[in-house]
């Protein structure tokens, strides 16, 4: 083990690599999904806690009074299908949801 001491007998241990750490390597990885309405990209949904699920997006849409909506997961893409009459409202609701989360 490498260490050194000063004239008072204090032992110093080398700190190797601590200051060369990659800040991106220190961040915990979270599941991230790209959210689409039909074929339009709306934003990213990052699952930050164990209780977060991608289905929270659909639950939020339904809590806003929009019930004729379906969603499915394709890889890391969460695709939401809505009735043509509700399409713009669904996009606005999801944008608000993703900005607030």
PDB file of N, CA and C in Angstrom:
ATOM      1  N   UNK A   1       0.856  -1.163   0.000  1.00  0.00           N
ATOM      2  CA  UNK A   1       0.000   0.000   0.000  1.00  0.00           C
ATOM      3  C   UNK A   1       0.904   1.227   0.000  1.00  0.00           C
ATOM      4  N   UNK A   2       0.574   2.191  -0.827  1.00  0.00           N
ATOM      5  CA  UNK A   2       1.339   3.432  -0.887  1.00  0.00           C
ATOM      6  C   UNK A   2       0.742   4.464   0.049  1.00  0.00           C
ATOM      7  N   UNK A   3       1.574   5.003   0.898  1.00  0.00           N
ATOM      8  CA  UNK A   3       1.154   6.102   1.749  1.00  0.00           C
ATOM      9  C   UNK A   3       2.402   6.860   2.167  1.00  0.00           C
ATOM     10  N   UNK A   4       2.191   8.058   2.674  1.00  0.00           N
ATOM     11  CA  UNK A   4       3.326   8.864   3.129  1.00  0.00           C
ATOM     12  C   UNK A   4       2.949   9.509   4.449  1.00  0.00           C
ATOM     13  N   UNK A   5       3.942  10.022   5.153  1.00  0.00           N
ATOM     14  CA  UNK A   5       3.667  10.698   6.423  1.00  0.00           C
ATOM     15  C   UNK A   5       4.468  11.991   6.482  1.00  0.00           C
ATOM     16  N   UNK A   6       3.981  12.952   7.266  1.00  0.00           N
ATOM     17  CA  UNK A   6       4.728  14.196   7.437  1.00  0.00           C
ATOM     18  C   UNK A   6       5.535  14.111   8.716  1.00  0.00           C
ATOM     19  N   UNK A   7       6.175  15.211   9.117  1.00  0.00           N
ATOM     20  CA  UNK A   7       7.070  15.204  10.290  1.00  0.00           C
ATOM     21  C   UNK A   7       6.311  15.004  11.591  1.00  0.00           C
ATOM     22  N   UNK A   8       5.000  15.178  11.598  1.00  0.00           N
ATOM     23  CA  UNK A   8       4.208  14.990  12.820  1.00  0.00           C
ATOM     24  C   UNK A   8       3.694  13.567  12.939  1.00  0.00           C
ATOM     25  N   UNK A   9       3.957  12.748  11.966  1.00  0.00           N
ATOM     26  CA  UNK A   9       3.504  11.365  12.002  1.00  0.00           C
ATOM     27  C   UNK A   9       2.133  11.150  11.401  1.00  0.00           C
ATOM     28  N   UNK A  10       1.547  12.182  10.801  1.00  0.00           N
ATOM     29  CA  UNK A  10       0.239  12.043  10.156  1.00  0.00           C
ATOM     30  C   UNK A  10       0.403  11.271   8.861  1.00  0.00           C
ATOM     31  N   UNK A  11      -0.444  10.303   8.648  1.00  0.00           N
ATOM     32  CA  UNK A  11      -0.353   9.462   7.462  1.00  0.00           C
ATOM     33  C   UNK A  11      -1.300  10.005   6.392  1.00  0.00           C
ATOM     34  N   UNK A  12      -0.802  10.133   5.173  1.00  0.00           N
ATOM     35  CA  UNK A  12      -1.600  10.575   4.036  1.00  0.00           C
ATOM     36  C   UNK A  12      -1.717   9.425   3.042  1.00  0.00           C
ATOM     37  N   UNK A  13      -2.931   9.129   2.637  1.00  0.00           N
ATOM     38  CA  UNK A  13      -3.172   8.114   1.632  1.00  0.00           C
ATOM     39  C   UNK A  13      -3.422   8.810   0.294  1.00  0.00           C
ATOM     40  N   UNK A  14      -2.866   8.290  -0.768  1.00  0.00           N
ATOM     41  CA  UNK A  14      -3.077   8.939  -2.065  1.00  0.00           C
ATOM     42  C   UNK A  14      -4.526   8.783  -2.543  1.00  0.00           C
ATOM     43  N   UNK A  15      -5.012   9.823  -3.148  1.00  0.00           N
ATOM     44  CA  UNK A  15      -6.351   9.786  -3.740  1.00  0.00           C
ATOM     45  C   UNK A  15      -6.129   9.745  -5.243  1.00  0.00           C
ATOM     46  N   UNK A  16      -6.180   8.551  -5.779  1.00  0.00           N
ATOM     47  CA  UNK A  16      -5.891   8.356  -7.187  1.00  0.00           C
ATOM     48  C   UNK A  16      -7.206   8.166  -7.942  1.00  0.00           C
ATOM     49  N   UNK A  17      -7.390   8.939  -8.991  1.00  0.00           N
ATOM     50  CA  UNK A  17      -8.543   8.768  -9.850  1.00  0.00           C
ATOM     51  C   UNK A  17      -9.800   9.457  -9.366  1.00  0.00           C
ATOM     52  N   UNK A  18      -9.815  10.003  -8.161  1.00  0.00           N
ATOM     53  CA  UNK A  18     -11.019  10.635  -7.652  1.00  0.00           C
ATOM     54  C   UNK A  18     -11.390  11.867  -8.461  1.00  0.00           C
ATOM     55  N   UNK A  19     -10.392  12.622  -8.872  1.00  0.00           N
ATOM     56  CA  UNK A  19     -10.662  13.859  -9.594  1.00  0.00           C
ATOM     57  C   UNK A  19     -10.763  13.655 -11.102  1.00  0.00           C
ATOM     58  N   UNK A  20     -10.523  12.447 -11.551  1.00  0.00           N
ATOM     59  CA  UNK A  20     -10.628  12.150 -12.966  1.00  0.00           C
ATOM     60  C   UNK A  20     -11.929  11.424 -13.304  1.00  0.00           C
ATOM     61  N   UNK A  21     -12.839  11.369 -12.352  1.00  0.00           N
ATOM     62  CA  UNK A  21     -14.079  10.622 -12.564  1.00  0.00           C
ATOM     63  C   UNK A  21     -14.939  11.290 -13.631  1.00  0.00           C
ATOM     64  N   UNK A  22     -15.520  10.478 -14.455  1.00  0.00           N
ATOM     65  CA  UNK A  22     -16.426  10.953 -15.495  1.00  0.00           C
ATOM     66  C   UNK A  22     -17.765  11.279 -14.845  1.00  0.00           C
ATOM     67  N   UNK A  23     -18.244  12.543 -14.908  1.00  0.00           N
ATOM     68  CA  UNK A  23     -19.495  12.880 -14.227  1.00  0.00           C
ATOM     69  C   UNK A  23     -20.691  12.116 -14.765  1.00  0.00           C
ATOM     70  N   UNK A  24     -20.659  11.698 -16.031  1.00  0.00           N
ATOM     71  CA  UNK A  24     -21.771  10.931 -16.589  1.00  0.00           C
ATOM     72  C   UNK A  24     -21.793   9.512 -16.037  1.00  0.00           C
ATOM     73  N   UNK A  25     -20.633   8.997 -15.633  1.00  0.00           N
ATOM     74  CA  UNK A  25     -20.577   7.656 -15.076  1.00  0.00           C
ATOM     75  C   UNK A  25     -21.136   7.631 -13.656  1.00  0.00           C
ATOM     76  N   UNK A  26     -21.164   8.781 -12.985  1.00  0.00           N
ATOM     77  CA  UNK A  26     -21.652   8.843 -11.620  1.00  0.00           C
ATOM     78  C   UNK A  26     -23.176   8.895 -11.561  1.00  0.00           C
ATOM     79  N   UNK A  27     -23.821   9.342 -12.613  1.00  0.00           N
ATOM     80  CA  UNK A  27     -25.276   9.447 -12.655  1.00  0.00           C
ATOM     81  C   UNK A  27     -25.885   8.054 -12.756  1.00  0.00           C
ATOM     82  N   UNK A  28     -26.924   7.836 -11.984  1.00  0.00           N
ATOM     83  CA  UNK A  28     -27.648   6.569 -12.086  1.00  0.00           C
ATOM     84  C   UNK A  28     -28.408   6.531 -13.397  1.00  0.00           C
ATOM     85  N   UNK A  29     -28.401   5.393 -14.031  1.00  0.00           N
ATOM     86  CA  UNK A  29     -29.153   5.243 -15.270  1.00  0.00           C
ATOM     87  C   UNK A  29     -30.611   4.960 -14.948  1.00  0.00           C
ATOM     88  N   UNK A  30     -31.506   5.631 -15.657  1.00  0.00           N
ATOM     89  CA  UNK A  30     -32.935   5.437 -15.495  1.00  0.00           C
ATOM     90  C   UNK A  30     -33.510   5.014 -16.835  1.00  0.00           C
ATOM     91  N   UNK A  31     -34.615   4.299 -16.777  1.00  0.00           N
ATOM     92  CA  UNK A  31     -35.307   3.968 -18.013  1.00  0.00           C
ATOM     93  C   UNK A  31     -35.873   5.241 -18.606  1.00  0.00           C
ATOM     94  N   UNK A  32     -35.669   5.426 -19.894  1.00  0.00           N
ATOM     95  CA  UNK A  32     -36.162   6.599 -20.598  1.00  0.00           C
ATOM     96  C   UNK A  32     -36.911   6.140 -21.838  1.00  0.00           C
ATOM     97  N   UNK A  33     -38.064   6.744 -22.067  1.00  0.00           N
ATOM     98  CA  UNK A  33     -38.893   6.395 -23.212  1.00  0.00           C
ATOM     99  C   UNK A  33     -39.192   7.642 -24.035  1.00  0.00           C
ATOM    100  N   UNK A  34     -39.198   7.478 -25.358  1.00  0.00           N
ATOM    101  CA  UNK A  34     -39.633   8.534 -26.259  1.00  0.00           C
ATOM    102  C   UNK A  34     -41.137   8.394 -26.405  1.00  0.00           C
ATOM    103  N   UNK A  35     -41.852   9.499 -26.174  1.00  0.00           N
ATOM    104  CA  UNK A  35     -43.307   9.476 -26.219  1.00  0.00           C
ATOM    105  C   UNK A  35     -43.776  10.084 -27.548  1.00  0.00           C
ATOM    106  N   UNK A  36     -44.639   9.356 -28.224  1.00  0.00           N
ATOM    107  CA  UNK A  36     -45.198   9.787 -29.504  1.00  0.00           C
ATOM    108  C   UNK A  36     -46.713   9.790 -29.417  1.00  0.00           C
ATOM    109  N   UNK A  37     -47.336  10.736 -30.108  1.00  0.00           N
ATOM    110  CA  UNK A  37     -48.767  10.687 -30.354  1.00  0.00           C
ATOM    111  C   UNK A  37     -48.895  10.444 -31.845  1.00  0.00           C
ATOM    112  N   UNK A  38     -49.481   9.286 -32.164  1.00  0.00           N
ATOM    113  CA  UNK A  38     -49.480   8.804 -33.547  1.00  0.00           C
ATOM    114  C   UNK A  38     -48.015   8.750 -34.012  1.00  0.00           C
ATOM    115  N   UNK A  39     -47.599   9.581 -34.962  1.00  0.00           N
ATOM    116  CA  UNK A  39     -46.207   9.560 -35.436  1.00  0.00           C
ATOM    117  C   UNK A  39     -45.425  10.792 -34.996  1.00  0.00           C
ATOM    118  N   UNK A  40     -46.045  11.662 -34.185  1.00  0.00           N
ATOM    119  CA  UNK A  40     -45.391  12.902 -33.762  1.00  0.00           C
ATOM    120  C   UNK A  40     -44.683  12.711 -32.430  1.00  0.00           C
ATOM    121  N   UNK A  41     -43.382  13.036 -32.413  1.00  0.00           N
ATOM    122  CA  UNK A  41     -42.601  12.959 -31.177  1.00  0.00           C
ATOM    123  C   UNK A  41     -43.027  14.097 -30.253  1.00  0.00           C
ATOM    124  N   UNK A  42     -43.304  13.763 -28.992  1.00  0.00           N
ATOM    125  CA  UNK A  42     -43.750  14.764 -28.026  1.00  0.00           C
ATOM    126  C   UNK A  42     -42.651  15.069 -27.013  1.00  0.00           C
ATOM    127  N   UNK A  43     -41.946  14.053 -26.542  1.00  0.00           N
ATOM    128  CA  UNK A  43     -40.892  14.283 -25.561  1.00  0.00           C
ATOM    129  C   UNK A  43     -40.425  12.986 -24.942  1.00  0.00           C
ATOM    130  N   UNK A  44     -39.598  13.108 -23.908  1.00  0.00           N
ATOM    131  CA  UNK A  44     -39.044  11.948 -23.201  1.00  0.00           C
ATOM    132  C   UNK A  44     -39.701  11.799 -21.838  1.00  0.00           C
ATOM    133  N   UNK A  45     -39.948  10.567 -21.460  1.00  0.00           N
ATOM    134  CA  UNK A  45     -40.443  10.232 -20.132  1.00  0.00           C
ATOM    135  C   UNK A  45     -39.360   9.429 -19.445  1.00  0.00           C
ATOM    136  N   UNK A  46     -38.821   9.973 -18.368  1.00  0.00           N
ATOM    137  CA  UNK A  46     -37.786   9.290 -17.604  1.00  0.00           C
ATOM    138  C   UNK A  46     -38.399   8.730 -16.331  1.00  0.00           C
ATOM    139  N   UNK A  47     -38.185   7.454 -16.095  1.00  0.00           N
ATOM    140  CA  UNK A  47     -38.691   6.811 -14.885  1.00  0.00           C
ATOM    141  C   UNK A  47     -37.652   7.005 -13.794  1.00  0.00           C
ATOM    142  N   UNK A  48     -37.951   7.881 -12.837  1.00  0.00           N
ATOM    143  CA  UNK A  48     -36.969   8.275 -11.838  1.00  0.00           C
ATOM    144  C   UNK A  48     -37.018   7.433 -10.576  1.00  0.00           C
ATOM    145  N   UNK A  49     -38.182   6.903 -10.226  1.00  0.00           N
ATOM    146  CA  UNK A  49     -38.309   6.119  -9.003  1.00  0.00           C
ATOM    147  C   UNK A  49     -38.880   4.745  -9.339  1.00  0.00           C
ATOM    148  N   UNK A  50     -38.882   3.882  -8.352  1.00  0.00           N
ATOM    149  CA  UNK A  50     -39.439   2.541  -8.547  1.00  0.00           C
ATOM    150  C   UNK A  50     -40.936   2.595  -8.840  1.00  0.00           C
ATOM    151  N   UNK A  51     -41.613   3.618  -8.341  1.00  0.00           N
ATOM    152  CA  UNK A  51     -43.059   3.729  -8.514  1.00  0.00           C
ATOM    153  C   UNK A  51     -43.447   4.305  -9.867  1.00  0.00           C
ATOM    154  N   UNK A  52     -42.525   4.925 -10.579  1.00  0.00           N
ATOM    155  CA  UNK A  52     -42.818   5.474 -11.905  1.00  0.00           C
ATOM    156  C   UNK A  52     -42.973   4.350 -12.915  1.00  0.00           C
ATOM    157  N   UNK A  53     -43.991   4.472 -13.754  1.00  0.00           N
ATOM    158  CA  UNK A  53     -44.168   3.539 -14.865  1.00  0.00           C
ATOM    159  C   UNK A  53     -44.515   4.338 -16.111  1.00  0.00           C
ATOM    160  N   UNK A  54     -44.284   3.760 -17.247  1.00  0.00           N
ATOM    161  CA  UNK A  54     -44.624   4.440 -18.490  1.00  0.00           C
ATOM    162  C   UNK A  54     -46.137   4.583 -18.617  1.00  0.00           C
ATOM    163  N   UNK A  55     -46.894   3.702 -17.988  1.00  0.00           N
ATOM    164  CA  UNK A  55     -48.355   3.781 -18.041  1.00  0.00           C
ATOM    165  C   UNK A  55     -48.895   5.011 -17.321  1.00  0.00           C
ATOM    166  N   UNK A  56     -48.066   5.692 -16.523  1.00  0.00           N
ATOM    167  CA  UNK A  56     -48.489   6.924 -15.851  1.00  0.00           C
ATOM    168  C   UNK A  56     -48.917   7.987 -16.856  1.00  0.00           C
ATOM    169  N   UNK A  57     -48.308   7.973 -18.031  1.00  0.00           N
ATOM    170  CA  UNK A  57     -48.670   8.935 -19.077  1.00  0.00           C
ATOM    171  C   UNK A  57     -50.120   8.725 -19.486  1.00  0.00           C
ATOM    172  N   UNK A  58     -50.490   7.492 -19.753  1.00  0.00           N
ATOM    173  CA  UNK A  58     -51.858   7.181 -20.168  1.00  0.00           C
ATOM    174  C   UNK A  58     -52.850   7.473 -19.042  1.00  0.00           C
ATOM    175  N   UNK A  59     -52.474   7.160 -17.809  1.00  0.00           N
ATOM    176  CA  UNK A  59     -53.344   7.450 -16.666  1.00  0.00           C
ATOM    177  C   UNK A  59     -53.585   8.954 -16.543  1.00  0.00           C
ATOM    178  N   UNK A  60     -52.558   9.756 -16.787  1.00  0.00           N
ATOM    179  CA  UNK A  60     -52.711  11.208 -16.708  1.00  0.00           C
ATOM    180  C   UNK A  60     -53.651  11.712 -17.792  1.00  0.00           C
ATOM    181  N   UNK A  61     -53.509  11.189 -18.994  1.00  0.00           N
ATOM    182  CA  UNK A  61     -54.395  11.592 -20.092  1.00  0.00           C
ATOM    183  C   UNK A  61     -55.847  11.286 -19.721  1.00  0.00           C
ATOM    184  N   UNK A  62     -56.083  10.092 -19.209  1.00  0.00           N
ATOM    185  CA  UNK A  62     -57.439   9.702 -18.830  1.00  0.00           C
ATOM    186  C   UNK A  62     -57.966  10.538 -17.674  1.00  0.00           C
ATOM    187  N   UNK A  63     -57.073  10.960 -16.764  1.00  0.00           N
ATOM    188  CA  UNK A  63     -57.507  11.818 -15.654  1.00  0.00           C
ATOM    189  C   UNK A  63     -57.911  13.208 -16.132  1.00  0.00           C
ATOM    190  N   UNK A  64     -57.500  13.571 -17.340  1.00  0.00           N
ATOM    191  CA  UNK A  64     -57.872  14.856 -17.920  1.00  0.00           C
ATOM    192  C   UNK A  64     -59.178  14.775 -18.708  1.00  0.00           C
ATOM    193  N   UNK A  65     -59.852  13.634 -18.634  1.00  0.00           N
ATOM    194  CA  UNK A  65     -61.155  13.473 -19.259  1.00  0.00           C
ATOM    195  C   UNK A  65     -61.121  12.963 -20.688  1.00  0.00           C
ATOM    196  N   UNK A  66     -59.971  12.487 -21.127  1.00  0.00           N
ATOM    197  CA  UNK A  66     -59.853  11.931 -22.475  1.00  0.00           C
ATOM    198  C   UNK A  66     -59.810  10.413 -22.331  1.00  0.00           C
ATOM    199  N   UNK A  67     -60.866   9.762 -22.807  1.00  0.00           N
ATOM    200  CA  UNK A  67     -60.962   8.320 -22.554  1.00  0.00           C
ATOM    201  C   UNK A  67     -60.739   7.459 -23.789  1.00  0.00           C
ATOM    202  N   UNK A  68     -60.874   8.012 -24.963  1.00  0.00           N
ATOM    203  CA  UNK A  68     -60.744   7.221 -26.189  1.00  0.00           C
ATOM    204  C   UNK A  68     -59.273   7.231 -26.649  1.00  0.00           C
ATOM    205  N   UNK A  69     -58.408   6.655 -25.813  1.00  0.00           N
ATOM    206  CA  UNK A  69     -56.966   6.675 -26.064  1.00  0.00           C
ATOM    207  C   UNK A  69     -56.404   5.285 -25.810  1.00  0.00           C
ATOM    208  N   UNK A  70     -55.499   4.861 -26.669  1.00  0.00           N
ATOM    209  CA  UNK A  70     -54.789   3.593 -26.479  1.00  0.00           C
ATOM    210  C   UNK A  70     -53.298   3.857 -26.563  1.00  0.00           C
ATOM    211  N   UNK A  71     -52.517   2.999 -25.938  1.00  0.00           N
ATOM    212  CA  UNK A  71     -51.066   3.162 -25.974  1.00  0.00           C
ATOM    213  C   UNK A  71     -50.403   1.799 -26.021  1.00  0.00           C
ATOM    214  N   UNK A  72     -49.236   1.761 -26.661  1.00  0.00           N
ATOM    215  CA  UNK A  72     -48.450   0.529 -26.667  1.00  0.00           C
ATOM    216  C   UNK A  72     -46.961   0.894 -26.694  1.00  0.00           C
ATOM    217  N   UNK A  73     -46.203  -0.041 -26.216  1.00  0.00           N
ATOM    218  CA  UNK A  73     -44.759   0.137 -26.115  1.00  0.00           C
ATOM    219  C   UNK A  73     -44.093  -0.635 -27.245  1.00  0.00           C
ATOM    220  N   UNK A  74     -43.200   0.048 -27.959  1.00  0.00           N
ATOM    221  CA  UNK A  74     -42.445  -0.588 -29.038  1.00  0.00           C
ATOM    222  C   UNK A  74     -40.980  -0.233 -28.812  1.00  0.00           C
ATOM    223  N   UNK A  75     -40.258  -1.140 -28.149  1.00  0.00           N
ATOM    224  CA  UNK A  75     -38.875  -0.848 -27.765  1.00  0.00           C
ATOM    225  C   UNK A  75     -38.867   0.237 -26.706  1.00  0.00           C
ATOM    226  N   UNK A  76     -38.186   1.356 -26.997  1.00  0.00           N
ATOM    227  CA  UNK A  76     -38.178   2.483 -26.065  1.00  0.00           C
ATOM    228  C   UNK A  76     -39.104   3.603 -26.535  1.00  0.00           C
ATOM    229  N   UNK A  77     -40.028   3.268 -27.446  1.00  0.00           N
ATOM    230  CA  UNK A  77     -41.013   4.225 -27.939  1.00  0.00           C
ATOM    231  C   UNK A  77     -42.380   3.903 -27.325  1.00  0.00           C
ATOM    232  N   UNK A  78     -42.981   4.901 -26.696  1.00  0.00           N
ATOM    233  CA  UNK A  78     -44.322   4.755 -26.148  1.00  0.00           C
ATOM    234  C   UNK A  78     -45.254   5.497 -27.091  1.00  0.00           C
ATOM    235  N   UNK A  79     -46.053   4.750 -27.817  1.00  0.00           N
ATOM    236  CA  UNK A  79     -46.878   5.316 -28.883  1.00  0.00           C
ATOM    237  C   UNK A  79     -48.324   5.384 -28.409  1.00  0.00           C
ATOM    238  N   UNK A  80     -48.860   6.595 -28.453  1.00  0.00           N
ATOM    239  CA  UNK A  80     -50.222   6.839 -27.997  1.00  0.00           C
ATOM    240  C   UNK A  80     -51.090   7.113 -29.217  1.00  0.00           C
ATOM    241  N   UNK A  81     -52.197   6.406 -29.286  1.00  0.00           N
ATOM    242  CA  UNK A  81     -53.142   6.578 -30.383  1.00  0.00           C
ATOM    243  C   UNK A  81     -54.416   7.178 -29.813  1.00  0.00           C
ATOM    244  N   UNK A  82     -54.878   8.248 -30.462  1.00  0.00           N
ATOM    245  CA  UNK A  82     -56.069   8.950 -29.981  1.00  0.00           C
ATOM    246  C   UNK A  82     -57.039   9.160 -31.129  1.00  0.00           C
ATOM    247  N   UNK A  83     -58.286   9.388 -30.776  1.00  0.00           N
ATOM    248  CA  UNK A  83     -59.310   9.728 -31.761  1.00  0.00           C
ATOM    249  C   UNK A  83     -58.916  11.046 -32.416  1.00  0.00           C
ATOM    250  N   UNK A  84     -59.133  11.171 -33.704  1.00  0.00           N
ATOM    251  CA  UNK A  84     -58.720  12.367 -34.471  1.00  0.00           C
ATOM    252  C   UNK A  84     -59.213  13.661 -33.836  1.00  0.00           C
ATOM    253  N   UNK A  85     -60.423  13.653 -33.257  1.00  0.00           N
ATOM    254  CA  UNK A  85     -60.966  14.860 -32.644  1.00  0.00           C
ATOM    255  C   UNK A  85     -60.179  15.285 -31.404  1.00  0.00           C
ATOM    256  N   UNK A  86     -59.560  14.328 -30.713  1.00  0.00           N
ATOM    257  CA  UNK A  86     -58.827  14.609 -29.480  1.00  0.00           C
ATOM    258  C   UNK A  86     -57.321  14.734 -29.682  1.00  0.00           C
ATOM    259  N   UNK A  87     -56.863  14.571 -30.903  1.00  0.00           N
ATOM    260  CA  UNK A  87     -55.425  14.469 -31.173  1.00  0.00           C
ATOM    261  C   UNK A  87     -54.628  15.662 -30.652  1.00  0.00           C
ATOM    262  N   UNK A  88     -55.027  16.871 -30.969  1.00  0.00           N
ATOM    263  CA  UNK A  88     -54.289  18.064 -30.541  1.00  0.00           C
ATOM    264  C   UNK A  88     -54.363  18.251 -29.031  1.00  0.00           C
ATOM    265  N   UNK A  89     -55.508  17.943 -28.452  1.00  0.00           N
ATOM    266  CA  UNK A  89     -55.646  18.062 -26.997  1.00  0.00           C
ATOM    267  C   UNK A  89     -54.747  17.049 -26.288  1.00  0.00           C
ATOM    268  N   UNK A  90     -54.681  15.829 -26.818  1.00  0.00           N
ATOM    269  CA  UNK A  90     -53.813  14.802 -26.225  1.00  0.00           C
ATOM    270  C   UNK A  90     -52.355  15.252 -26.283  1.00  0.00           C
ATOM    271  N   UNK A  91     -51.937  15.810 -27.401  1.00  0.00           N
ATOM    272  CA  UNK A  91     -50.560  16.302 -27.526  1.00  0.00           C
ATOM    273  C   UNK A  91     -50.275  17.370 -26.479  1.00  0.00           C
ATOM    274  N   UNK A  92     -51.202  18.308 -26.315  1.00  0.00           N
ATOM    275  CA  UNK A  92     -51.008  19.391 -25.346  1.00  0.00           C
ATOM    276  C   UNK A  92     -50.953  18.850 -23.921  1.00  0.00           C
ATOM    277  N   UNK A  93     -51.808  17.881 -23.606  1.00  0.00           N
ATOM    278  CA  UNK A  93     -51.829  17.288 -22.264  1.00  0.00           C
ATOM    279  C   UNK A  93     -50.515  16.573 -21.979  1.00  0.00           C
ATOM    280  N   UNK A  94     -50.014  15.820 -22.945  1.00  0.00           N
ATOM    281  CA  UNK A  94     -48.764  15.085 -22.744  1.00  0.00           C
ATOM    282  C   UNK A  94     -47.587  16.043 -22.618  1.00  0.00           C
ATOM    283  N   UNK A  95     -47.548  17.084 -23.432  1.00  0.00           N
ATOM    284  CA  UNK A  95     -46.466  18.075 -23.320  1.00  0.00           C
ATOM    285  C   UNK A  95     -46.451  18.692 -21.928  1.00  0.00           C
ATOM    286  N   UNK A  96     -47.613  19.042 -21.418  1.00  0.00           N
ATOM    287  CA  UNK A  96     -47.709  19.598 -20.062  1.00  0.00           C
ATOM    288  C   UNK A  96     -47.233  18.591 -19.030  1.00  0.00           C
ATOM    289  N   UNK A  97     -47.671  17.352 -19.172  1.00  0.00           N
ATOM    290  CA  UNK A  97     -47.279  16.300 -18.234  1.00  0.00           C
ATOM    291  C   UNK A  97     -45.760  16.107 -18.222  1.00  0.00           C
ATOM    292  N   UNK A  98     -45.158  16.028 -19.390  1.00  0.00           N
ATOM    293  CA  UNK A  98     -43.716  15.781 -19.467  1.00  0.00           C
ATOM    294  C   UNK A  98     -42.909  16.970 -18.954  1.00  0.00           C
ATOM    295  N   UNK A  99     -43.400  18.179 -19.129  1.00  0.00           N
ATOM    296  CA  UNK A  99     -42.692  19.357 -18.626  1.00  0.00           C
ATOM    297  C   UNK A  99     -42.742  19.425 -17.108  1.00  0.00           C
ATOM    298  N   UNK A 100     -43.830  18.948 -16.528  1.00  0.00           N
ATOM    299  CA  UNK A 100     -44.003  19.023 -15.069  1.00  0.00           C
ATOM    300  C   UNK A 100     -43.373  17.854 -14.331  1.00  0.00           C
ATOM    301  N   UNK A 101     -42.927  16.840 -15.010  1.00  0.00           N
ATOM    302  CA  UNK A 101     -42.339  15.666 -14.361  1.00  0.00           C
ATOM    303  C   UNK A 101     -40.862  15.722 -14.427  1.00  0.00           C
TER     304      UNK A 101
END
